[in-house]
All heavy atoms as atom14 arrays in JSON, in Angstrom:
{
  "sequence": "IKDGRIDFEAVGITEDEIKGFEQIYIVACGSAWHVGMAAQYVLED",
  "atom14_mask": [
    [1, 1, 1, 1, 1, 1, 1, 1, 0, 0, 0, 0, 0, 0],
    [1, 1, 1, 1, 1, 1, 1, 1, 1, 0, 0, 0, 0, 0],
    [1, 1, 1, 1, 1, 1, 1, 1, 0, 0, 0, 0, 0, 0],
    [1, 1, 1, 1, 0, 0, 0, 0, 0, 0, 0, 0, 0, 0],
    [1, 1, 1, 1, 1, 1, 1, 1, 1, 1, 1, 0, 0, 0],
    [1, 1, 1, 1, 1, 1, 1, 1, 0, 0, 0, 0, 0, 0],
    [1, 1, 1, 1, 1, 1, 1, 1, 0, 0, 0, 0, 0, 0],
    [1, 1, 1, 1, 1, 1, 1, 1, 1, 1, 1, 0, 0, 0],
    [1, 1, 1, 1, 1, 1, 1, 1, 1, 0, 0, 0, 0, 0],
    [1, 1, 1, 1, 1, 0, 0, 0, 0, 0, 0, 0, 0, 0],
    [1, 1, 1, 1, 1, 1, 1, 0, 0, 0, 0, 0, 0, 0],
    [1, 1, 1, 1, 0, 0, 0, 0, 0, 0, 0, 0, 0, 0],
    [1, 1, 1, 1, 1, 1, 1, 1, 0, 0, 0, 0, 0, 0],
    [1, 1, 1, 1, 1, 1, 1, 0, 0, 0, 0, 0, 0, 0],
    [1, 1, 1, 1, 1, 1, 1, 1, 1, 0, 0, 0, 0, 0],
    [1, 1, 1, 1, 1, 1, 1, 1, 0, 0, 0, 0, 0, 0],
    [1, 1, 1, 1, 1, 1, 1, 1, 1, 0, 0, 0, 0, 0],
    [1, 1, 1, 1, 1, 1, 1, 1, 0, 0, 0, 0, 0, 0],
    [1, 1, 1, 1, 1, 1, 1, 1, 1, 0, 0, 0, 0, 0],
    [1, 1, 1, 1, 0, 0, 0, 0, 0, 0, 0, 0, 0, 0],
    [1, 1, 1, 1, 1, 1, 1, 1, 1, 1, 1, 0, 0, 0],
    [1, 1, 1, 1, 1, 1, 1, 1, 1, 0, 0, 0, 0, 0],
    [1, 1, 1, 1, 1, 1, 1, 1, 1, 0, 0, 0, 0, 0],
    [1, 1, 1, 1, 1, 1, 1, 1, 0, 0, 0, 0, 0, 0],
    [1, 1, 1, 1, 1, 1, 1, 1, 1, 1, 1, 1, 0, 0],
    [1, 1, 1, 1, 1, 1, 1, 1, 0, 0, 0, 0, 0, 0],
    [1, 1, 1, 1, 1, 1, 1, 0, 0, 0, 0, 0, 0, 0],
    [1, 1, 1, 1, 1, 0, 0, 0, 0, 0, 0, 0, 0, 0],
    [1, 1, 1, 1, 1, 1, 0, 0, 0, 0, 0, 0, 0, 0],
    [1, 1, 1, 1, 0, 0, 0, 0, 0, 0, 0, 0, 0, 0],
    [1, 1, 1, 1, 1, 1, 0, 0, 0, 0, 0, 0, 0, 0],
    [1, 1, 1, 1, 1, 0, 0, 0, 0, 0, 0, 0, 0, 0],
    [1, 1, 1, 1, 1, 1, 1, 1, 1, 1, 1, 1, 1, 1],
    [1, 1, 1, 1, 1, 1, 1, 1, 1, 1, 0, 0, 0, 0],
    [1, 1, 1, 1, 1, 1, 1, 0, 0, 0, 0, 0, 0, 0],
    [1, 1, 1, 1, 0, 0, 0, 0, 0, 0, 0, 0, 0, 0],
    [1, 1, 1, 1, 1, 1, 1, 1, 0, 0, 0, 0, 0, 0],
    [1, 1, 1, 1, 1, 0, 0, 0, 0, 0, 0, 0, 0, 0],
    [1, 1, 1, 1, 1, 0, 0, 0, 0, 0, 0, 0, 0, 0],
    [1, 1, 1, 1, 1, 1, 1, 1, 1, 0, 0, 0, 0, 0],
    [1, 1, 1, 1, 1, 1, 1, 1, 1, 1, 1, 1, 0, 0],
    [1, 1, 1, 1, 1, 1, 1, 0, 0, 0, 0, 0, 0, 0],
    [1, 1, 1, 1, 1, 1, 1, 1, 0, 0, 0, 0, 0, 0],
    [1, 1, 1, 1, 1, 1, 1, 1, 1, 0, 0, 0, 0, 0],
    [1, 1, 1, 1, 1, 1, 1, 1, 0, 0, 0, 0, 0, 0]
  ],
  "atom14_positions": [
    [[117.68, 107.25, 103.17], [117.55, 108.65, 103.59], [116.21, 109.18, 103.11], [115.96, 109.27, 101.9], [118.71, 109.51, 103.03], [120.05, 109.03, 103.61], [118.49, 110.99, 103.38], [121.27, 109.76, 103.07], [0.0, 0.0, 0.0], [0.0, 0.0, 0.0], [0.0, 0.0, 0.0], [0.0, 0.0, 0.0], [0.0, 0.0, 0.0], [0.0, 0.0, 0.0]],
    [[115.32, 109.46, 104.06], [113.98, 109.94, 103.73], [113.76, 111.28, 104.43], [113.89, 111.38, 105.65], [112.91, 108.94, 104.23], [113.16, 107.48, 103.82], [112.58, 107.17, 102.47], [113.12, 105.88, 101.86], [112.77, 104.67, 102.55], [0.0, 0.0, 0.0], [0.0, 0.0, 0.0], [0.0, 0.0, 0.0], [0.0, 0.0, 0.0], [0.0, 0.0, 0.0]],
    [[113.45, 112.31, 103.64], [113.18, 113.65, 104.21], [114.3, 114.13, 105.13], [114.06, 114.63, 106.23], [111.85, 113.66, 105.0], [110.69, 113.21, 104.12], [110.69, 113.57, 102.93], [109.8, 112.49, 104.63], [0.0, 0.0, 0.0], [0.0, 0.0, 0.0], [0.0, 0.0, 0.0], [0.0, 0.0, 0.0], [0.0, 0.0, 0.0], [0.0, 0.0, 0.0]],
    [[115.52, 113.91, 104.69], [116.66, 114.42, 105.46], [116.99, 113.62, 106.71], [117.78, 114.05, 107.54], [0.0, 0.0, 0.0], [0.0, 0.0, 0.0], [0.0, 0.0, 0.0], [0.0, 0.0, 0.0], [0.0, 0.0, 0.0], [0.0, 0.0, 0.0], [0.0, 0.0, 0.0], [0.0, 0.0, 0.0], [0.0, 0.0, 0.0], [0.0, 0.0, 0.0]],
    [[116.36, 112.45, 106.87], [116.66, 111.59, 108.03], [116.99, 110.19, 107.54], [116.52, 109.78, 106.48], [115.46, 111.51, 108.98], [115.0, 112.85, 109.55], [113.72, 112.7, 110.35], [113.95, 111.94, 111.57], [114.43, 112.49, 112.7], [114.73, 113.76, 112.73], [114.61, 111.76, 113.78], [0.0, 0.0, 0.0], [0.0, 0.0, 0.0], [0.0, 0.0, 0.0]],
    [[117.74, 109.45, 108.35], [118.04, 108.07, 107.99], [116.99, 107.16, 108.61], [116.73, 107.23, 109.81], [119.46, 107.68, 108.44], [120.49, 108.48, 107.63], [119.7, 106.19, 108.27], [121.92, 108.26, 108.02], [0.0, 0.0, 0.0], [0.0, 0.0, 0.0], [0.0, 0.0, 0.0], [0.0, 0.0, 0.0], [0.0, 0.0, 0.0], [0.0, 0.0, 0.0]],
    [[116.4, 106.32, 107.77], [115.32, 105.43, 108.21], [115.73, 103.99, 107.88], [115.8, 103.61, 106.71], [114.03, 105.82, 107.47], [112.87, 104.88, 107.81], [113.06, 103.98, 108.66], [111.79, 105.04, 107.22], [0.0, 0.0, 0.0], [0.0, 0.0, 0.0], [0.0, 0.0, 0.0], [0.0, 0.0, 0.0], [0.0, 0.0, 0.0], [0.0, 0.0, 0.0]],
    [[115.98, 103.21, 108.94], [116.45, 101.83, 108.73], [115.34, 100.8, 108.88], [115.61, 99.63, 109.14], [117.59, 101.5, 109.72], [118.93, 101.99, 109.26], [119.94, 102.24, 110.18], [119.2, 102.19, 107.92], [121.2, 102.68, 109.76], [120.44, 102.62, 107.49], [121.44, 102.87, 108.41], [0.0, 0.0, 0.0], [0.0, 0.0, 0.0], [0.0, 0.0, 0.0]],
    [[114.1, 101.23, 108.7], [112.99, 100.29, 108.84], [113.13, 99.13, 107.86], [112.93, 97.97, 108.21], [111.66, 101.02, 108.61], [110.46, 100.18, 109.03], [109.13, 100.88, 108.76], [109.12, 102.12, 108.66], [108.13, 100.17, 108.64], [0.0, 0.0, 0.0], [0.0, 0.0, 0.0], [0.0, 0.0, 0.0], [0.0, 0.0, 0.0], [0.0, 0.0, 0.0]],
    [[113.51, 99.44, 106.61], [113.64, 98.39, 105.59], [114.79, 97.44, 105.92], [114.75, 96.26, 105.59], [113.85, 99.01, 104.21], [0.0, 0.0, 0.0], [0.0, 0.0, 0.0], [0.0, 0.0, 0.0], [0.0, 0.0, 0.0], [0.0, 0.0, 0.0], [0.0, 0.0, 0.0], [0.0, 0.0, 0.0], [0.0, 0.0, 0.0], [0.0, 0.0, 0.0]],
    [[115.82, 97.97, 106.58], [116.97, 97.14, 106.95], [116.6, 96.23, 108.12], [117.14, 95.14, 108.29], [118.19, 98.03, 107.3], [119.39, 97.2, 107.74], [118.56, 98.92, 106.12], [0.0, 0.0, 0.0], [0.0, 0.0, 0.0], [0.0, 0.0, 0.0], [0.0, 0.0, 0.0], [0.0, 0.0, 0.0], [0.0, 0.0, 0.0], [0.0, 0.0, 0.0]],
    [[115.66, 96.72, 108.95], [115.17, 95.9, 110.06], [115.96, 96.06, 111.35], [115.97, 95.17, 112.19], [0.0, 0.0, 0.0], [0.0, 0.0, 0.0], [0.0, 0.0, 0.0], [0.0, 0.0, 0.0], [0.0, 0.0, 0.0], [0.0, 0.0, 0.0], [0.0, 0.0, 0.0], [0.0, 0.0, 0.0], [0.0, 0.0, 0.0], [0.0, 0.0, 0.0]],
    [[116.63, 97.22, 111.51], [117.4, 97.44, 112.73], [116.8, 98.62, 113.49], [116.51, 99.66, 112.9], [118.9, 97.64, 112.41], [119.74, 97.56, 113.69], [119.17, 98.92, 111.67], [121.22, 97.39, 113.43], [0.0, 0.0, 0.0], [0.0, 0.0, 0.0], [0.0, 0.0, 0.0], [0.0, 0.0, 0.0], [0.0, 0.0, 0.0], [0.0, 0.0, 0.0]],
    [[116.57, 98.43, 114.79], [115.89, 99.47, 115.58], [116.92, 100.31, 116.35], [118.07, 99.9, 116.53], [114.93, 98.83, 116.59], [115.72, 98.08, 117.55], [113.94, 97.89, 115.91], [0.0, 0.0, 0.0], [0.0, 0.0, 0.0], [0.0, 0.0, 0.0], [0.0, 0.0, 0.0], [0.0, 0.0, 0.0], [0.0, 0.0, 0.0], [0.0, 0.0, 0.0]],
    [[116.44, 101.46, 116.86], [117.33, 102.33, 117.62], [117.78, 101.66, 118.91], [118.92, 101.81, 119.34], [116.64, 103.68, 117.91], [116.39, 104.48, 116.64], [116.09, 105.95, 116.92], [116.04, 106.33, 118.11], [115.94, 106.71, 115.95], [0.0, 0.0, 0.0], [0.0, 0.0, 0.0], [0.0, 0.0, 0.0], [0.0, 0.0, 0.0], [0.0, 0.0, 0.0]],
    [[116.88, 100.9, 119.54], [117.24, 100.19, 120.78], [118.37, 99.19, 120.53], [119.28, 99.03, 121.35], [116.02, 99.47, 121.38], [115.05, 100.46, 122.01], [115.47, 101.61, 122.26], [113.87, 100.09, 122.23], [0.0, 0.0, 0.0], [0.0, 0.0, 0.0], [0.0, 0.0, 0.0], [0.0, 0.0, 0.0], [0.0, 0.0, 0.0], [0.0, 0.0, 0.0]],
    [[118.27, 98.49, 119.39], [119.33, 97.53, 119.06], [120.66, 98.25, 118.86], [121.7, 97.8, 119.35], [118.96, 96.75, 117.78], [117.91, 95.68, 118.0], [117.48, 95.02, 116.7], [117.13, 95.74, 115.73], [117.51, 93.79, 116.66], [0.0, 0.0, 0.0], [0.0, 0.0, 0.0], [0.0, 0.0, 0.0], [0.0, 0.0, 0.0], [0.0, 0.0, 0.0]],
    [[120.62, 99.38, 118.15], [121.85, 100.13, 117.89], [122.5, 100.57, 119.2], [123.72, 100.51, 119.36], [121.55, 101.36, 116.97], [121.21, 100.87, 115.55], [122.72, 102.32, 116.93], [120.73, 101.95, 114.6], [0.0, 0.0, 0.0], [0.0, 0.0, 0.0], [0.0, 0.0, 0.0], [0.0, 0.0, 0.0], [0.0, 0.0, 0.0], [0.0, 0.0, 0.0]],
    [[121.67, 100.99, 120.15], [122.2, 101.43, 121.46], [122.83, 100.26, 122.22], [123.74, 100.45, 123.02], [121.08, 102.03, 122.32], [120.66, 103.42, 121.89], [119.49, 103.92, 122.74], [118.95, 105.23, 122.18], [117.58, 105.49, 122.59], [0.0, 0.0, 0.0], [0.0, 0.0, 0.0], [0.0, 0.0, 0.0], [0.0, 0.0, 0.0], [0.0, 0.0, 0.0]],
    [[122.32, 99.04, 121.98], [122.77, 97.88, 122.76], [124.06, 97.24, 122.29], [124.66, 96.45, 123.02], [0.0, 0.0, 0.0], [0.0, 0.0, 0.0], [0.0, 0.0, 0.0], [0.0, 0.0, 0.0], [0.0, 0.0, 0.0], [0.0, 0.0, 0.0], [0.0, 0.0, 0.0], [0.0, 0.0, 0.0], [0.0, 0.0, 0.0], [0.0, 0.0, 0.0]],
    [[124.52, 97.55, 121.07], [125.73, 96.9, 120.57], [126.97, 97.46, 121.26], [127.12, 98.66, 121.43], [125.87, 97.07, 119.05], [124.78, 96.38, 118.26], [124.04, 97.07, 117.31], [124.51, 95.03, 118.48], [123.04, 96.44, 116.6], [123.51, 94.39, 117.76], [122.77, 95.09, 116.81], [0.0, 0.0, 0.0], [0.0, 0.0, 0.0], [0.0, 0.0, 0.0]],
    [[127.88, 96.55, 121.65], [129.12, 96.97, 122.31], [130.31, 96.89, 121.35], [131.37, 97.43, 121.63], [129.4, 96.06, 123.51], [128.37, 96.2, 124.61], [128.61, 95.23, 125.76], [129.55, 94.39, 125.64], [127.88, 95.31, 126.76], [0.0, 0.0, 0.0], [0.0, 0.0, 0.0], [0.0, 0.0, 0.0], [0.0, 0.0, 0.0], [0.0, 0.0, 0.0]],
    [[130.12, 96.21, 120.23], [131.25, 95.94, 119.33], [130.68, 95.7, 117.94], [129.56, 95.23, 117.79], [131.96, 94.67, 119.85], [132.9, 94.0, 118.87], [134.33, 94.42, 119.09], [134.76, 94.61, 120.2], [135.07, 94.59, 118.01], [0.0, 0.0, 0.0], [0.0, 0.0, 0.0], [0.0, 0.0, 0.0], [0.0, 0.0, 0.0], [0.0, 0.0, 0.0]],
    [[131.47, 96.02, 116.92], [131.08, 95.67, 115.54], [132.19, 94.84, 114.92], [133.38, 95.19, 115.02], [130.83, 96.93, 114.68], [129.61, 97.71, 115.18], [130.63, 96.56, 113.2], [129.35, 99.02, 114.45], [0.0, 0.0, 0.0], [0.0, 0.0, 0.0], [0.0, 0.0, 0.0], [0.0, 0.0, 0.0], [0.0, 0.0, 0.0], [0.0, 0.0, 0.0]],
    [[131.81, 93.73, 114.31], [132.75, 92.96, 113.48], [132.33, 93.16, 112.04], [131.15, 93.0, 111.71], [132.69, 91.46, 113.81], [133.01, 91.11, 115.25], [132.0, 90.68, 116.12], [134.31, 91.2, 115.74], [132.28, 90.37, 117.43], [134.59, 90.88, 117.06], [133.57, 90.47, 117.91], [133.85, 90.16, 119.21], [0.0, 0.0, 0.0], [0.0, 0.0, 0.0]],
    [[133.27, 93.5, 111.18], [132.99, 93.57, 109.74], [133.78, 92.45, 109.09], [135.01, 92.38, 109.23], [133.39, 94.93, 109.13], [132.65, 96.08, 109.84], [133.09, 94.95, 107.63], [133.08, 97.48, 109.4], [0.0, 0.0, 0.0], [0.0, 0.0, 0.0], [0.0, 0.0, 0.0], [0.0, 0.0, 0.0], [0.0, 0.0, 0.0], [0.0, 0.0, 0.0]],
    [[133.08, 91.54, 108.43], [133.72, 90.34, 107.87], [133.42, 90.29, 106.37], [132.27, 90.38, 105.96], [133.21, 89.07, 108.58], [133.89, 87.83, 108.02], [133.45, 89.17, 110.09], [0.0, 0.0, 0.0], [0.0, 0.0, 0.0], [0.0, 0.0, 0.0], [0.0, 0.0, 0.0], [0.0, 0.0, 0.0], [0.0, 0.0, 0.0], [0.0, 0.0, 0.0]],
    [[134.47, 90.15, 105.57], [134.3, 90.19, 104.11], [135.56, 89.68, 103.44], [136.55, 89.35, 104.11], [134.0, 91.61, 103.66], [0.0, 0.0, 0.0], [0.0, 0.0, 0.0], [0.0, 0.0, 0.0], [0.0, 0.0, 0.0], [0.0, 0.0, 0.0], [0.0, 0.0, 0.0], [0.0, 0.0, 0.0], [0.0, 0.0, 0.0], [0.0, 0.0, 0.0]],
    [[135.53, 89.62, 102.11], [136.69, 89.19, 101.31], [136.97, 90.23, 100.22], [136.04, 90.92, 99.76], [136.41, 87.86, 100.61], [135.93, 86.52, 101.7], [0.0, 0.0, 0.0], [0.0, 0.0, 0.0], [0.0, 0.0, 0.0], [0.0, 0.0, 0.0], [0.0, 0.0, 0.0], [0.0, 0.0, 0.0], [0.0, 0.0, 0.0], [0.0, 0.0, 0.0]],
    [[138.2, 90.32, 99.78], [138.54, 91.15, 98.61], [138.16, 92.6, 98.79], [138.39, 93.22, 99.83], [0.0, 0.0, 0.0], [0.0, 0.0, 0.0], [0.0, 0.0, 0.0], [0.0, 0.0, 0.0], [0.0, 0.0, 0.0], [0.0, 0.0, 0.0], [0.0, 0.0, 0.0], [0.0, 0.0, 0.0], [0.0, 0.0, 0.0], [0.0, 0.0, 0.0]],
    [[137.54, 93.17, 97.73], [137.17, 94.59, 97.76], [136.17, 94.9, 98.87], [136.18, 95.99, 99.43], [136.58, 95.02, 96.41], [137.59, 95.05, 95.43], [0.0, 0.0, 0.0], [0.0, 0.0, 0.0], [0.0, 0.0, 0.0], [0.0, 0.0, 0.0], [0.0, 0.0, 0.0], [0.0, 0.0, 0.0], [0.0, 0.0, 0.0], [0.0, 0.0, 0.0]],
    [[135.3, 93.95, 99.18], [134.33, 94.16, 100.26], [135.06, 94.32, 101.6], [134.63, 95.08, 102.47], [133.34, 92.99, 100.33], [0.0, 0.0, 0.0], [0.0, 0.0, 0.0], [0.0, 0.0, 0.0], [0.0, 0.0, 0.0], [0.0, 0.0, 0.0], [0.0, 0.0, 0.0], [0.0, 0.0, 0.0], [0.0, 0.0, 0.0], [0.0, 0.0, 0.0]],
    [[136.2, 93.63, 101.76], [137.02, 93.79, 102.96], [137.62, 95.2, 102.99], [137.73, 95.82, 104.05], [138.11, 92.72, 102.98], [139.05, 92.8, 104.14], [138.76, 92.57, 105.45], [140.44, 93.15, 104.11], [139.89, 92.75, 106.23], [140.92, 93.09, 105.43], [141.32, 93.49, 103.07], [142.25, 93.37, 105.75], [142.64, 93.76, 103.39], [143.1, 93.71, 104.72]],
    [[137.98, 95.72, 101.82], [138.51, 97.1, 101.77], [137.44, 98.11, 102.17], [137.75, 99.14, 102.79], [139.03, 97.42, 100.36], [140.17, 96.54, 99.95], [140.49, 96.3, 98.62], [141.05, 95.81, 100.68], [141.53, 95.48, 98.58], [141.88, 95.17, 99.8], [0.0, 0.0, 0.0], [0.0, 0.0, 0.0], [0.0, 0.0, 0.0], [0.0, 0.0, 0.0]],
    [[136.19, 97.84, 101.82], [135.08, 98.68, 102.29], [135.06, 98.68, 103.81], [134.92, 99.73, 104.46], [133.72, 98.17, 101.74], [132.55, 98.86, 102.44], [133.64, 98.37, 100.23], [0.0, 0.0, 0.0], [0.0, 0.0, 0.0], [0.0, 0.0, 0.0], [0.0, 0.0, 0.0], [0.0, 0.0, 0.0], [0.0, 0.0, 0.0], [0.0, 0.0, 0.0]],
    [[135.23, 97.49, 104.39], [135.26, 97.37, 105.85], [136.41, 98.16, 106.45], [136.27, 98.8, 107.5], [0.0, 0.0, 0.0], [0.0, 0.0, 0.0], [0.0, 0.0, 0.0], [0.0, 0.0, 0.0], [0.0, 0.0, 0.0], [0.0, 0.0, 0.0], [0.0, 0.0, 0.0], [0.0, 0.0, 0.0], [0.0, 0.0, 0.0], [0.0, 0.0, 0.0]],
    [[137.57, 98.13, 105.79], [138.74, 98.86, 106.29], [138.45, 100.36, 106.35], [138.79, 101.04, 107.31], [139.96, 98.6, 105.4], [140.49, 97.19, 105.51], [141.24, 96.84, 107.11], [142.79, 97.69, 106.96], [0.0, 0.0, 0.0], [0.0, 0.0, 0.0], [0.0, 0.0, 0.0], [0.0, 0.0, 0.0], [0.0, 0.0, 0.0], [0.0, 0.0, 0.0]],
    [[137.82, 100.89, 105.3], [137.47, 102.32, 105.28], [136.41, 102.61, 106.34], [136.49, 103.59, 107.08], [136.98, 102.73, 103.89], [0.0, 0.0, 0.0], [0.0, 0.0, 0.0], [0.0, 0.0, 0.0], [0.0, 0.0, 0.0], [0.0, 0.0, 0.0], [0.0, 0.0, 0.0], [0.0, 0.0, 0.0], [0.0, 0.0, 0.0], [0.0, 0.0, 0.0]],
    [[135.42, 101.72, 106.43], [134.31, 101.92, 107.37], [134.79, 101.88, 108.81], [134.24, 102.56, 109.68], [133.25, 100.85, 107.15], [0.0, 0.0, 0.0], [0.0, 0.0, 0.0], [0.0, 0.0, 0.0], [0.0, 0.0, 0.0], [0.0, 0.0, 0.0], [0.0, 0.0, 0.0], [0.0, 0.0, 0.0], [0.0, 0.0, 0.0], [0.0, 0.0, 0.0]],
    [[135.83, 101.09, 109.07], [136.36, 100.98, 110.43], [136.79, 102.36, 110.95], [136.45, 102.75, 112.06], [137.55, 100.03, 110.42], [138.23, 99.86, 111.78], [139.46, 98.97, 111.68], [140.14, 98.93, 110.66], [139.73, 98.23, 112.72], [0.0, 0.0, 0.0], [0.0, 0.0, 0.0], [0.0, 0.0, 0.0], [0.0, 0.0, 0.0], [0.0, 0.0, 0.0]],
    [[137.52, 103.09, 110.12], [137.97, 104.43, 110.53], [136.77, 105.34, 110.78], [136.74, 106.12, 111.74], [138.85, 105.05, 109.44], [140.21, 104.4, 109.29], [140.48, 103.55, 108.21], [141.22, 104.63, 110.22], [141.73, 102.95, 108.07], [142.47, 104.03, 110.08], [142.72, 103.19, 109.01], [143.96, 102.6, 108.87], [0.0, 0.0, 0.0], [0.0, 0.0, 0.0]],
    [[135.78, 105.27, 109.89], [134.62, 106.18, 109.98], [133.78, 105.85, 111.21], [133.41, 106.74, 111.99], [133.77, 106.09, 108.69], [132.58, 107.04, 108.77], [134.61, 106.43, 107.47], [0.0, 0.0, 0.0], [0.0, 0.0, 0.0], [0.0, 0.0, 0.0], [0.0, 0.0, 0.0], [0.0, 0.0, 0.0], [0.0, 0.0, 0.0], [0.0, 0.0, 0.0]],
    [[133.46, 104.57, 111.39], [132.61, 104.16, 112.52], [133.28, 104.45, 113.87], [132.64, 104.96, 114.8], [132.28, 102.67, 112.42], [131.1, 102.29, 111.53], [131.19, 100.84, 111.1], [129.78, 102.54, 112.25], [0.0, 0.0, 0.0], [0.0, 0.0, 0.0], [0.0, 0.0, 0.0], [0.0, 0.0, 0.0], [0.0, 0.0, 0.0], [0.0, 0.0, 0.0]],
    [[134.57, 104.14, 113.97], [135.24, 104.35, 115.25], [135.33, 105.83, 115.58], [135.15, 106.24, 116.72], [136.64, 103.7, 115.23], [136.57, 102.2, 115.25], [137.88, 101.5, 115.55], [138.95, 102.06, 115.22], [137.84, 100.39, 116.1], [0.0, 0.0, 0.0], [0.0, 0.0, 0.0], [0.0, 0.0, 0.0], [0.0, 0.0, 0.0], [0.0, 0.0, 0.0]],
    [[135.61, 106.65, 114.57], [135.75, 108.08, 114.82], [134.41, 108.74, 115.11], [134.27, 109.53, 116.04], [136.42, 108.75, 113.6], [136.77, 110.2, 113.9], [137.32, 110.45, 114.98], [136.49, 111.06, 113.07], [0.0, 0.0, 0.0], [0.0, 0.0, 0.0], [0.0, 0.0, 0.0], [0.0, 0.0, 0.0], [0.0, 0.0, 0.0], [0.0, 0.0, 0.0]]
  ]
}
């Protein structure tokens, strides 16, 4: 978060790529899987 905006340059994902995705898979184990479970509700909504 830079100057009140989200900047994913360091992550390496562009806006065009974000627009092109049709589906997200979150894959993890243990507590990281629980993060995915919470994120699923947030992303879908």
